[in-house]
C-alpha atoms as a PDB file:
ATOM      1  CA  MET A   1     -41.344 -39.312  -9.061  1.00  0.00           C
ATOM      2  CA  GLY A   2     -44.069 -39.677  -6.857  1.00  0.00           C
ATOM      3  CA  PHE A   3     -47.053 -38.016  -4.721  1.00  0.00           C
ATOM      4  CA  GLY A   4     -45.586 -39.002  -1.716  1.00  0.00           C
ATOM      5  CA  GLN A   5     -41.335 -37.405  -3.060  1.00  0.00           C
ATOM      6  CA  ALA A   6     -42.826 -34.667  -4.217  1.00  0.00           C
ATOM      7  CA  THR A   7     -44.379 -33.989  -1.187  1.00  0.00           C
ATOM      8  CA  GLN A   8     -41.431 -34.904   1.247  1.00  0.00           C
ATOM      9  CA  ALA A   9     -38.828 -32.468  -0.614  1.00  0.00           C
ATOM     10  CA  SER A  10     -40.757 -29.597  -1.017  1.00  0.00           C
ATOM     11  CA  SER A  11     -41.683 -29.890   2.727  1.00  0.00           C
ATOM     12  CA  LEU A  12     -37.277 -30.589   3.626  1.00  0.00           C
ATOM     13  CA  PHE A  13     -37.302 -27.441   0.379  1.00  0.00           C
ATOM     14  CA  ARG A  14     -39.450 -25.434   4.126  1.00  0.00           C
ATOM     15  CA  GLU A  15     -37.514 -27.019   6.597  1.00  0.00           C
ATOM     16  CA  GLU A  16     -34.377 -25.327   4.878  1.00  0.00           C
ATOM     17  CA  MET A  17     -35.861 -21.997   3.927  1.00  0.00           C
ATOM     18  CA  GLU A  18     -38.115 -20.917   6.968  1.00  0.00           C
ATOM     19  CA  GLY A  19     -33.926 -22.160   8.781  1.00  0.00           C
ATOM     20  CA  GLU A  20     -32.994 -19.651   7.212  1.00  0.00           C
ATOM     21  CA  VAL A  21     -35.450 -16.978   7.387  1.00  0.00           C
ATOM     22  CA  GLY A  22     -34.080 -16.338  10.930  1.00  0.00           C
ATOM     23  CA  THR A  23     -29.926 -16.390  10.415  1.00  0.00           C
ATOM     24  CA  GLU A  24     -28.509 -12.938  11.247  1.00  0.00           C
ATOM     25  CA  ILE A  25     -26.294 -11.772   9.049  1.00  0.00           C
ATOM     26  CA  LYS A  26     -23.024 -11.309  10.692  1.00  0.00           C
ATOM     27  CA  PRO A  27     -21.092  -8.568   9.623  1.00  0.00           C
ATOM     28  CA  PRO A  28     -16.822  -9.157   8.094  1.00  0.00           C
ATOM     29  CA  PRO A  29     -15.000  -9.731  10.380  1.00  0.00           C
ATOM     30  CA  VAL A  30     -12.805  -6.310  11.004  1.00  0.00           C
ATOM     31  CA  ARG A  31      -8.980  -6.538  10.405  1.00  0.00           C
ATOM     32  CA  PRO A  32      -7.156  -5.151  13.557  1.00  0.00           C
ATOM     33  CA  PRO A  33      -4.497  -2.165  12.756  1.00  0.00           C
ATOM     34  CA  ASN A  34      -1.437  -3.008  11.084  1.00  0.00           C
ATOM     35  CA  PRO A  35       0.838  -0.235  11.786  1.00  0.00           C
ATOM     36  CA  LEU A  36       3.927  -1.805   9.723  1.00  0.00           C
ATOM     37  CA  SER A  37       1.203  -0.369   7.146  1.00  0.00           C
ATOM     38  CA  ASP A  38       0.939   2.752   8.549  1.00  0.00           C
ATOM     39  CA  VAL A  39       4.041   2.673   8.181  1.00  0.00           C
ATOM     40  CA  LEU A  40       5.036   1.913   5.527  1.00  0.00           C
ATOM     41  CA  THR A  41       2.004   3.442   3.224  1.00  0.00           C
ATOM     42  CA  VAL A  42       3.074   7.694   4.837  1.00  0.00           C
ATOM     43  CA  PHE A  43       6.706   6.410   3.951  1.00  0.00           C
ATOM     44  CA  LEU A  44       6.178   4.934   0.365  1.00  0.00           C
ATOM     45  CA  GLN A  45       3.551   7.720  -0.553  1.00  0.00           C
ATOM     46  CA  PRO A  46       5.593  10.024  -1.522  1.00  0.00           C
ATOM     47  CA  LEU A  47       8.533   7.934  -2.494  1.00  0.00           C
ATOM     48  CA  GLN A  48       5.691   7.579  -5.331  1.00  0.00           C
ATOM     49  CA  TYR A  49       5.584  10.433  -5.890  1.00  0.00           C
ATOM     50  CA  LEU A  50       9.053  11.586  -5.658  1.00  0.00           C
ATOM     51  CA  ALA A  51       9.888   8.664  -8.151  1.00  0.00           C
ATOM     52  CA  SER A  52       6.640  10.288 -10.277  1.00  0.00           C
ATOM     53  CA  ALA A  53       7.983  13.330 -10.660  1.00  0.00           C
ATOM     54  CA  LEU A  54      11.470  12.403 -11.519  1.00  0.00           C
ATOM     55  CA  GLU A  55      10.205  10.638 -14.340  1.00  0.00           C
ATOM     56  CA  ASN A  56       8.440  13.462 -15.529  1.00  0.00           C
ATOM     57  CA  ILE A  57      11.908  14.854 -15.469  1.00  0.00           C
ATOM     58  CA  LEU A  58      14.091  12.724 -17.082  1.00  0.00           C
ATOM     59  CA  ARG A  59      11.556  12.621 -19.961  1.00  0.00           C
ATOM     60  CA  LEU A  60      11.886  16.081 -19.986  1.00  0.00           C
ATOM     61  CA  PHE A  61      15.559  16.268 -20.326  1.00  0.00           C
ATOM     62  CA  ALA A  62      15.400  14.021 -22.327  1.00  0.00           C
ATOM     63  CA  GLN A  63      12.714  15.111 -25.272  1.00  0.00           C
ATOM     64  CA  LEU A  64      14.695  18.907 -24.106  1.00  0.00           C
ATOM     65  CA  GLY A  65      18.506  17.125 -25.801  1.00  0.00           C
ATOM     66  CA  GLN A  66      16.259  14.745 -28.303  1.00  0.00           C
ATOM     67  CA  LYS A  67      16.167  18.571 -29.746  1.00  0.00           C
ATOM     68  CA  ILE A  68      18.992  19.437 -28.690  1.00  0.00           C
ATOM     69  CA  VAL A  69      20.939  16.909 -30.981  1.00  0.00           C
ATOM     70  CA  VAL A  70      18.262  17.177 -33.799  1.00  0.00           C
ATOM     71  CA  SER A  71      19.323  21.132 -33.925  1.00  0.00           C
ATOM     72  CA  ILE A  72      23.404  20.665 -33.962  1.00  0.00           C
ATOM     73  CA  ASN A  73      22.859  17.212 -36.677  1.00  0.00           C
ATOM     74  CA  ASP A  74      20.410  19.885 -38.652  1.00  0.00           C
ATOM     75  CA  LYS A  75      23.108  23.188 -38.357  1.00  0.00           C
ATOM     76  CA  LEU A  76      26.107  20.105 -38.813  1.00  0.00           C
ATOM     77  CA  THR A  77      24.360  19.374 -42.084  1.00  0.00           C
ATOM     78  CA  ALA A  78      23.518  22.518 -43.282  1.00  0.00           C
ATOM     79  CA  ILE A  79      27.951  23.677 -42.597  1.00  0.00           C
ATOM     80  CA  LEU A  80      28.359  20.656 -44.439  1.00  0.00           C
ATOM     81  CA  HIS A  81      26.532  21.057 -47.352  1.00  0.00           C
END
């Protein structure tokens, strides 16, 4: 690269940089309100809590059921032996 080409490249680079300095930073566009999204959020959030509570209750019953079955099996095996 000759000296003239380097000077030309640096002046082009300087022009690009000077053009970018004055540019205005714009905030991101604001999304318009979506009433359907708000309604779904209001209805679905309690359903999530309800589903989580139901899942915990079912797990508890499953654990209790397993304990009852184990205790019955232990008693049956004790009776049979």
